[in-house]
Amino acid sequence: MPEKKSIGRDFPLAPTPEPIKDSTKYYKRLGDKAAYEMQAAISAHANRVASGKIIQADKDAARQKLKGKPGYDKMGFPLKKP
């Protein structure tokens, strides 16, 4: 039996690690998830902006019938009391 060559250590060397798996799929999934979340956030923001515009349009339409009536100015806004 051949003798083991001494390397000056009292502990064995660590085993060679396995090769690292390709992480492309992992990061692609993270990128897809981030893109999906970003698109959802943009969509939610657009919905809030759109609903705000719809609410404002309803208020403007209701104000139209008040134009020129007593207590309202020519744009339909209430007159300020002194």
PDB file of N, CA and C in Angstrom:
ATOM      1  N   MET A   1       0.834  -1.166   0.000  1.00  0.00           N
ATOM      2  CA  MET A   1       0.000   0.000   0.000  1.00  0.00           C
ATOM      3  C   MET A   1       0.886   1.239   0.000  1.00  0.00           C
ATOM      4  N   PRO A   2       0.607   2.193  -0.911  1.00  0.00           N
ATOM      5  CA  PRO A   2       1.461   3.381  -0.954  1.00  0.00           C
ATOM      6  C   PRO A   2       1.188   4.275   0.241  1.00  0.00           C
ATOM      7  N   GLU A   3       2.225   4.900   0.693  1.00  0.00           N
ATOM      8  CA  GLU A   3       2.072   5.819   1.834  1.00  0.00           C
ATOM      9  C   GLU A   3       1.440   7.124   1.371  1.00  0.00           C
ATOM     10  N   LYS A   4       0.632   7.680   2.272  1.00  0.00           N
ATOM     11  CA  LYS A   4       0.033   8.969   1.958  1.00  0.00           C
ATOM     12  C   LYS A   4       1.074  10.046   2.153  1.00  0.00           C
ATOM     13  N   LYS A   5       1.077  10.951   1.256  1.00  0.00           N
ATOM     14  CA  LYS A   5       2.016  12.048   1.330  1.00  0.00           C
ATOM     15  C   LYS A   5       1.520  13.043   2.362  1.00  0.00           C
ATOM     16  N   SER A   6       2.344  13.443   3.274  1.00  0.00           N
ATOM     17  CA  SER A   6       1.975  14.392   4.308  1.00  0.00           C
ATOM     18  C   SER A   6       1.996  15.798   3.712  1.00  0.00           C
ATOM     19  N   ILE A   7       0.957  16.554   4.020  1.00  0.00           N
ATOM     20  CA  ILE A   7       0.896  17.922   3.523  1.00  0.00           C
ATOM     21  C   ILE A   7       1.010  18.929   4.661  1.00  0.00           C
ATOM     22  N   GLY A   8       1.341  18.478   5.847  1.00  0.00           N
ATOM     23  CA  GLY A   8       1.543  19.377   6.971  1.00  0.00           C
ATOM     24  C   GLY A   8       0.247  19.803   7.645  1.00  0.00           C
ATOM     25  N   ARG A   9      -0.804  19.020   7.447  1.00  0.00           N
ATOM     26  CA  ARG A   9      -2.069  19.360   8.085  1.00  0.00           C
ATOM     27  C   ARG A   9      -2.516  18.173   8.922  1.00  0.00           C
ATOM     28  N   ASP A  10      -3.277  18.478   9.952  1.00  0.00           N
ATOM     29  CA  ASP A  10      -3.797  17.387  10.760  1.00  0.00           C
ATOM     30  C   ASP A  10      -5.277  17.132  10.475  1.00  0.00           C
ATOM     31  N   PHE A  11      -5.790  17.689   9.357  1.00  0.00           N
ATOM     32  CA  PHE A  11      -7.186  17.466   8.959  1.00  0.00           C
ATOM     33  C   PHE A  11      -7.205  17.220   7.452  1.00  0.00           C
ATOM     34  N   PRO A  12      -8.179  16.475   6.993  1.00  0.00           N
ATOM     35  CA  PRO A  12      -8.233  16.182   5.561  1.00  0.00           C
ATOM     36  C   PRO A  12      -8.714  17.402   4.769  1.00  0.00           C
ATOM     37  N   LEU A  13      -8.361  17.424   3.525  1.00  0.00           N
ATOM     38  CA  LEU A  13      -8.831  18.492   2.652  1.00  0.00           C
ATOM     39  C   LEU A  13     -10.334  18.335   2.408  1.00  0.00           C
ATOM     40  N   ALA A  14     -10.993  19.446   2.204  1.00  0.00           N
ATOM     41  CA  ALA A  14     -12.422  19.407   1.931  1.00  0.00           C
ATOM     42  C   ALA A  14     -12.651  18.761   0.571  1.00  0.00           C
ATOM     43  N   PRO A  15     -13.754  18.050   0.443  1.00  0.00           N
ATOM     44  CA  PRO A  15     -14.025  17.436  -0.853  1.00  0.00           C
ATOM     45  C   PRO A  15     -14.282  18.520  -1.903  1.00  0.00           C
ATOM     46  N   THR A  16     -14.020  18.182  -3.114  1.00  0.00           N
ATOM     47  CA  THR A  16     -14.241  19.123  -4.203  1.00  0.00           C
ATOM     48  C   THR A  16     -15.744  19.386  -4.312  1.00  0.00           C
ATOM     49  N   PRO A  17     -16.130  20.676  -4.310  1.00  0.00           N
ATOM     50  CA  PRO A  17     -17.573  20.971  -4.402  1.00  0.00           C
ATOM     51  C   PRO A  17     -18.121  20.600  -5.774  1.00  0.00           C
ATOM     52  N   GLU A  18     -19.431  20.330  -5.779  1.00  0.00           N
ATOM     53  CA  GLU A  18     -20.080  20.015  -7.044  1.00  0.00           C
ATOM     54  C   GLU A  18     -20.137  21.284  -7.886  1.00  0.00           C
ATOM     55  N   PRO A  19     -20.162  21.145  -9.179  1.00  0.00           N
ATOM     56  CA  PRO A  19     -20.258  22.335 -10.018  1.00  0.00           C
ATOM     57  C   PRO A  19     -21.579  23.070  -9.751  1.00  0.00           C
ATOM     58  N   ILE A  20     -21.518  24.364  -9.832  1.00  0.00           N
ATOM     59  CA  ILE A  20     -22.699  25.190  -9.585  1.00  0.00           C
ATOM     60  C   ILE A  20     -23.643  25.039 -10.768  1.00  0.00           C
ATOM     61  N   LYS A  21     -24.931  24.867 -10.440  1.00  0.00           N
ATOM     62  CA  LYS A  21     -25.932  24.748 -11.495  1.00  0.00           C
ATOM     63  C   LYS A  21     -26.107  26.105 -12.165  1.00  0.00           C
ATOM     64  N   ASP A  22     -26.554  26.065 -13.395  1.00  0.00           N
ATOM     65  CA  ASP A  22     -26.808  27.297 -14.139  1.00  0.00           C
ATOM     66  C   ASP A  22     -27.984  28.023 -13.491  1.00  0.00           C
ATOM     67  N   SER A  23     -27.794  29.275 -13.136  1.00  0.00           N
ATOM     68  CA  SER A  23     -28.821  30.027 -12.410  1.00  0.00           C
ATOM     69  C   SER A  23     -29.676  30.885 -13.343  1.00  0.00           C
ATOM     70  N   THR A  24     -29.544  30.693 -14.639  1.00  0.00           N
ATOM     71  CA  THR A  24     -30.290  31.517 -15.586  1.00  0.00           C
ATOM     72  C   THR A  24     -31.791  31.417 -15.356  1.00  0.00           C
ATOM     73  N   LYS A  25     -32.296  30.191 -15.172  1.00  0.00           N
ATOM     74  CA  LYS A  25     -33.729  30.009 -14.968  1.00  0.00           C
ATOM     75  C   LYS A  25     -34.195  30.726 -13.706  1.00  0.00           C
ATOM     76  N   TYR A  26     -33.393  30.650 -12.645  1.00  0.00           N
ATOM     77  CA  TYR A  26     -33.765  31.285 -11.381  1.00  0.00           C
ATOM     78  C   TYR A  26     -33.913  32.795 -11.560  1.00  0.00           C
ATOM     79  N   TYR A  27     -32.929  33.418 -12.167  1.00  0.00           N
ATOM     80  CA  TYR A  27     -32.984  34.868 -12.336  1.00  0.00           C
ATOM     81  C   TYR A  27     -34.020  35.283 -13.380  1.00  0.00           C
ATOM     82  N   LYS A  28     -34.257  34.442 -14.377  1.00  0.00           N
ATOM     83  CA  LYS A  28     -35.294  34.744 -15.356  1.00  0.00           C
ATOM     84  C   LYS A  28     -36.658  34.725 -14.667  1.00  0.00           C
ATOM     85  N   ARG A  29     -36.874  33.755 -13.783  1.00  0.00           N
ATOM     86  CA  ARG A  29     -38.138  33.704 -13.042  1.00  0.00           C
ATOM     87  C   ARG A  29     -38.299  34.942 -12.188  1.00  0.00           C
ATOM     88  N   LEU A  30     -37.224  35.367 -11.519  1.00  0.00           N
ATOM     89  CA  LEU A  30     -37.295  36.584 -10.709  1.00  0.00           C
ATOM     90  C   LEU A  30     -37.607  37.788 -11.580  1.00  0.00           C
ATOM     91  N   GLY A  31     -36.986  37.865 -12.753  1.00  0.00           N
ATOM     92  CA  GLY A  31     -37.238  38.975 -13.669  1.00  0.00           C
ATOM     93  C   GLY A  31     -38.666  38.971 -14.162  1.00  0.00           C
ATOM     94  N   ASP A  32     -39.188  37.775 -14.488  1.00  0.00           N
ATOM     95  CA  ASP A  32     -40.575  37.677 -14.940  1.00  0.00           C
ATOM     96  C   ASP A  32     -41.524  38.106 -13.827  1.00  0.00           C
ATOM     97  N   LYS A  33     -41.217  37.691 -12.597  1.00  0.00           N
ATOM     98  CA  LYS A  33     -42.067  38.044 -11.455  1.00  0.00           C
ATOM     99  C   LYS A  33     -42.032  39.560 -11.233  1.00  0.00           C
ATOM    100  N   ALA A  34     -40.844  40.139 -11.314  1.00  0.00           N
ATOM    101  CA  ALA A  34     -40.716  41.588 -11.122  1.00  0.00           C
ATOM    102  C   ALA A  34     -41.458  42.339 -12.224  1.00  0.00           C
ATOM    103  N   ALA A  35     -41.351  41.868 -13.458  1.00  0.00           N
ATOM    104  CA  ALA A  35     -42.047  42.515 -14.568  1.00  0.00           C
ATOM    105  C   ALA A  35     -43.559  42.422 -14.365  1.00  0.00           C
ATOM    106  N   TYR A  36     -44.028  41.252 -13.918  1.00  0.00           N
ATOM    107  CA  TYR A  36     -45.462  41.076 -13.666  1.00  0.00           C
ATOM    108  C   TYR A  36     -45.927  42.020 -12.560  1.00  0.00           C
ATOM    109  N   GLU A  37     -45.154  42.097 -11.472  1.00  0.00           N
ATOM    110  CA  GLU A  37     -45.536  42.973 -10.356  1.00  0.00           C
ATOM    111  C   GLU A  37     -45.513  44.440 -10.783  1.00  0.00           C
ATOM    112  N   MET A  38     -44.540  44.817 -11.610  1.00  0.00           N
ATOM    113  CA  MET A  38     -44.466  46.198 -12.081  1.00  0.00           C
ATOM    114  C   MET A  38     -45.667  46.516 -12.967  1.00  0.00           C
ATOM    115  N   GLN A  39     -46.021  45.581 -13.849  1.00  0.00           N
ATOM    116  CA  GLN A  39     -47.174  45.806 -14.725  1.00  0.00           C
ATOM    117  C   GLN A  39     -48.454  45.903 -13.902  1.00  0.00           C
ATOM    118  N   ALA A  40     -48.575  45.087 -12.849  1.00  0.00           N
ATOM    119  CA  ALA A  40     -49.750  45.145 -11.976  1.00  0.00           C
ATOM    120  C   ALA A  40     -49.822  46.493 -11.256  1.00  0.00           C
ATOM    121  N   ALA A  41     -48.666  46.992 -10.805  1.00  0.00           N
ATOM    122  CA  ALA A  41     -48.639  48.287 -10.122  1.00  0.00           C
ATOM    123  C   ALA A  41     -49.023  49.413 -11.087  1.00  0.00           C
ATOM    124  N   ILE A  42     -48.511  49.347 -12.309  1.00  0.00           N
ATOM    125  CA  ILE A  42     -48.847  50.366 -13.304  1.00  0.00           C
ATOM    126  C   ILE A  42     -50.340  50.323 -13.606  1.00  0.00           C
ATOM    127  N   SER A  43     -50.864  49.115 -13.748  1.00  0.00           N
ATOM    128  CA  SER A  43     -52.285  48.957 -14.041  1.00  0.00           C
ATOM    129  C   SER A  43     -53.140  49.491 -12.894  1.00  0.00           C
ATOM    130  N   ALA A  44     -52.741  49.182 -11.652  1.00  0.00           N
ATOM    131  CA  ALA A  44     -53.497  49.665 -10.487  1.00  0.00           C
ATOM    132  C   ALA A  44     -53.464  51.190 -10.433  1.00  0.00           C
ATOM    133  N   HIS A  45     -52.292  51.776 -10.719  1.00  0.00           N
ATOM    134  CA  HIS A  45     -52.176  53.238 -10.716  1.00  0.00           C
ATOM    135  C   HIS A  45     -53.054  53.840 -11.817  1.00  0.00           C
ATOM    136  N   ALA A  46     -53.037  53.225 -13.001  1.00  0.00           N
ATOM    137  CA  ALA A  46     -53.854  53.722 -14.105  1.00  0.00           C
ATOM    138  C   ALA A  46     -55.337  53.643 -13.750  1.00  0.00           C
ATOM    139  N   ASN A  47     -55.724  52.567 -13.070  1.00  0.00           N
ATOM    140  CA  ASN A  47     -57.125  52.434 -12.667  1.00  0.00           C
ATOM    141  C   ASN A  47     -57.513  53.521 -11.673  1.00  0.00           C
ATOM    142  N   ARG A  48     -56.607  53.839 -10.740  1.00  0.00           N
ATOM    143  CA  ARG A  48     -56.903  54.899  -9.763  1.00  0.00           C
ATOM    144  C   ARG A  48     -57.026  56.247 -10.469  1.00  0.00           C
ATOM    145  N   VAL A  49     -56.118  56.510 -11.406  1.00  0.00           N
ATOM    146  CA  VAL A  49     -56.162  57.775 -12.144  1.00  0.00           C
ATOM    147  C   VAL A  49     -57.437  57.840 -12.969  1.00  0.00           C
ATOM    148  N   ALA A  50     -57.769  56.744 -13.638  1.00  0.00           N
ATOM    149  CA  ALA A  50     -58.976  56.717 -14.473  1.00  0.00           C
ATOM    150  C   ALA A  50     -60.217  56.897 -13.619  1.00  0.00           C
ATOM    151  N   SER A  51     -60.273  56.233 -12.464  1.00  0.00           N
ATOM    152  CA  SER A  51     -61.461  56.371 -11.622  1.00  0.00           C
ATOM    153  C   SER A  51     -61.556  57.792 -11.074  1.00  0.00           C
ATOM    154  N   GLY A  52     -60.428  58.413 -10.789  1.00  0.00           N
ATOM    155  CA  GLY A  52     -60.433  59.803 -10.337  1.00  0.00           C
ATOM    156  C   GLY A  52     -60.969  60.727 -11.421  1.00  0.00           C
ATOM    157  N   LYS A  53     -60.588  60.458 -12.670  1.00  0.00           N
ATOM    158  CA  LYS A  53     -61.075  61.276 -13.780  1.00  0.00           C
ATOM    159  C   LYS A  53     -62.570  61.062 -14.000  1.00  0.00           C
ATOM    160  N   ILE A  54     -63.026  59.828 -13.810  1.00  0.00           N
ATOM    161  CA  ILE A  54     -64.458  59.548 -13.957  1.00  0.00           C
ATOM    162  C   ILE A  54     -65.250  60.276 -12.874  1.00  0.00           C
ATOM    163  N   ILE A  55     -64.746  60.252 -11.651  1.00  0.00           N
ATOM    164  CA  ILE A  55     -65.415  60.949 -10.546  1.00  0.00           C
ATOM    165  C   ILE A  55     -65.472  62.445 -10.835  1.00  0.00           C
ATOM    166  N   GLN A  56     -64.357  63.011 -11.315  1.00  0.00           N
ATOM    167  CA  GLN A  56     -64.317  64.438 -11.633  1.00  0.00           C
ATOM    168  C   GLN A  56     -65.285  64.767 -12.772  1.00  0.00           C
ATOM    169  N   ALA A  57     -65.369  63.889 -13.760  1.00  0.00           N
ATOM    170  CA  ALA A  57     -66.289  64.122 -14.877  1.00  0.00           C
ATOM    171  C   ALA A  57     -67.736  64.116 -14.392  1.00  0.00           C
ATOM    172  N   ASP A  58     -68.054  63.225 -13.454  1.00  0.00           N
ATOM    173  CA  ASP A  58     -69.408  63.204 -12.882  1.00  0.00           C
ATOM    174  C   ASP A  58     -69.713  64.502 -12.136  1.00  0.00           C
ATOM    175  N   LYS A  59     -68.732  64.985 -11.382  1.00  0.00           N
ATOM    176  CA  LYS A  59     -68.926  66.246 -10.659  1.00  0.00           C
ATOM    177  C   LYS A  59     -69.122  67.401 -11.641  1.00  0.00           C
ATOM    178  N   ASP A  60     -68.320  67.419 -12.704  1.00  0.00           N
ATOM    179  CA  ASP A  60     -68.432  68.483 -13.710  1.00  0.00           C
ATOM    180  C   ASP A  60     -69.789  68.433 -14.408  1.00  0.00           C
ATOM    181  N   ALA A  61     -70.262  67.236 -14.716  1.00  0.00           N
ATOM    182  CA  ALA A  61     -71.559  67.103 -15.377  1.00  0.00           C
ATOM    183  C   ALA A  61     -72.685  67.594 -14.459  1.00  0.00           C
ATOM    184  N   ALA A  62     -72.599  67.266 -13.171  1.00  0.00           N
ATOM    185  CA  ALA A  62     -73.618  67.713 -12.224  1.00  0.00           C
ATOM    186  C   ALA A  62     -73.576  69.231 -12.069  1.00  0.00           C
ATOM    187  N   ARG A  63     -72.389  69.807 -12.187  1.00  0.00           N
ATOM    188  CA  ARG A  63     -72.225  71.247 -12.043  1.00  0.00           C
ATOM    189  C   ARG A  63     -72.795  72.006 -13.237  1.00  0.00           C
ATOM    190  N   GLN A  64     -72.839  71.384 -14.392  1.00  0.00           N
ATOM    191  CA  GLN A  64     -73.297  72.051 -15.613  1.00  0.00           C
ATOM    192  C   GLN A  64     -74.721  72.569 -15.481  1.00  0.00           C
ATOM    193  N   LYS A  65     -75.577  71.807 -14.820  1.00  0.00           N
ATOM    194  CA  LYS A  65     -76.973  72.230 -14.717  1.00  0.00           C
ATOM    195  C   LYS A  65     -77.165  73.409 -13.762  1.00  0.00           C
ATOM    196  N   LEU A  66     -76.129  73.756 -12.987  1.00  0.00           N
ATOM    197  CA  LEU A  66     -76.215  74.856 -12.034  1.00  0.00           C
ATOM    198  C   LEU A  66     -75.718  76.180 -12.605  1.00  0.00           C
ATOM    199  N   LYS A  67     -75.208  76.171 -13.817  1.00  0.00           N
ATOM    200  CA  LYS A  67     -74.655  77.387 -14.431  1.00  0.00           C
ATOM    201  C   LYS A  67     -75.715  78.485 -14.499  1.00  0.00           C
ATOM    202  N   GLY A  68     -75.370  79.681 -13.999  1.00  0.00           N
ATOM    203  CA  GLY A  68     -76.219  80.851 -14.105  1.00  0.00           C
ATOM    204  C   GLY A  68     -77.426  80.870 -13.170  1.00  0.00           C
ATOM    205  N   LYS A  69     -77.627  79.847 -12.400  1.00  0.00           N
ATOM    206  CA  LYS A  69     -78.760  79.835 -11.471  1.00  0.00           C
ATOM    207  C   LYS A  69     -78.426  80.692 -10.267  1.00  0.00           C
ATOM    208  N   PRO A  70     -79.426  81.151  -9.522  1.00  0.00           N
ATOM    209  CA  PRO A  70     -79.151  81.971  -8.337  1.00  0.00           C
ATOM    210  C   PRO A  70     -78.271  81.225  -7.336  1.00  0.00           C
ATOM    211  N   GLY A  71     -77.231  81.909  -6.873  1.00  0.00           N
ATOM    212  CA  GLY A  71     -76.304  81.317  -5.905  1.00  0.00           C
ATOM    213  C   GLY A  71     -75.116  80.623  -6.545  1.00  0.00           C
ATOM    214  N   TYR A  72     -75.081  80.591  -7.892  1.00  0.00           N
ATOM    215  CA  TYR A  72     -73.993  79.934  -8.621  1.00  0.00           C
ATOM    216  C   TYR A  72     -73.442  80.890  -9.670  1.00  0.00           C
ATOM    217  N   ASP A  73     -72.152  80.769  -9.966  1.00  0.00           N
ATOM    218  CA  ASP A  73     -71.559  81.643 -10.983  1.00  0.00           C
ATOM    219  C   ASP A  73     -71.795  81.068 -12.383  1.00  0.00           C
ATOM    220  N   LYS A  74     -71.173  81.705 -13.399  1.00  0.00           N
ATOM    221  CA  LYS A  74     -71.410  81.290 -14.779  1.00  0.00           C
ATOM    222  C   LYS A  74     -70.783  79.929 -15.112  1.00  0.00           C
ATOM    223  N   MET A  75     -69.927  79.425 -14.235  1.00  0.00           N
ATOM    224  CA  MET A  75     -69.329  78.099 -14.440  1.00  0.00           C
ATOM    225  C   MET A  75     -70.019  77.015 -13.609  1.00  0.00           C
ATOM    226  N   GLY A  76     -70.983  77.392 -12.792  1.00  0.00           N
ATOM    227  CA  GLY A  76     -71.713  76.420 -12.003  1.00  0.00           C
ATOM    228  C   GLY A  76     -71.160  76.198 -10.599  1.00  0.00           C
ATOM    229  N   PHE A  77     -70.145  76.972 -10.230  1.00  0.00           N
ATOM    230  CA  PHE A  77     -69.585  76.863  -8.874  1.00  0.00           C
ATOM    231  C   PHE A  77     -70.415  77.724  -7.913  1.00  0.00           C
ATOM    232  N   PRO A  78     -70.552  77.299  -6.656  1.00  0.00           N
ATOM    233  CA  PRO A  78     -71.305  78.120  -5.693  1.00  0.00           C
ATOM    234  C   PRO A  78     -70.603  79.465  -5.478  1.00  0.00           C
ATOM    235  N   LEU A  79     -71.412  80.525  -5.332  1.00  0.00           N
ATOM    236  CA  LEU A  79     -70.839  81.840  -5.053  1.00  0.00           C
ATOM    237  C   LEU A  79     -70.315  81.867  -3.627  1.00  0.00           C
ATOM    238  N   LYS A  80     -69.182  82.535  -3.455  1.00  0.00           N
ATOM    239  CA  LYS A  80     -68.600  82.649  -2.112  1.00  0.00           C
ATOM    240  C   LYS A  80     -69.364  83.682  -1.339  1.00  0.00           C
ATOM    241  N   LYS A  81     -69.674  83.349  -0.117  1.00  0.00           N
ATOM    242  CA  LYS A  81     -70.405  84.279   0.731  1.00  0.00           C
ATOM    243  C   LYS A  81     -69.439  85.260   1.387  1.00  0.00           C
ATOM    244  N   PRO A  82     -69.801  86.548   1.406  1.00  0.00           N
ATOM    245  CA  PRO A  82     -68.884  87.545   1.981  1.00  0.00           C
ATOM    246  C   PRO A  82     -68.731  87.425   3.473  1.00  0.00           C
TER     247      PRO A  82
END
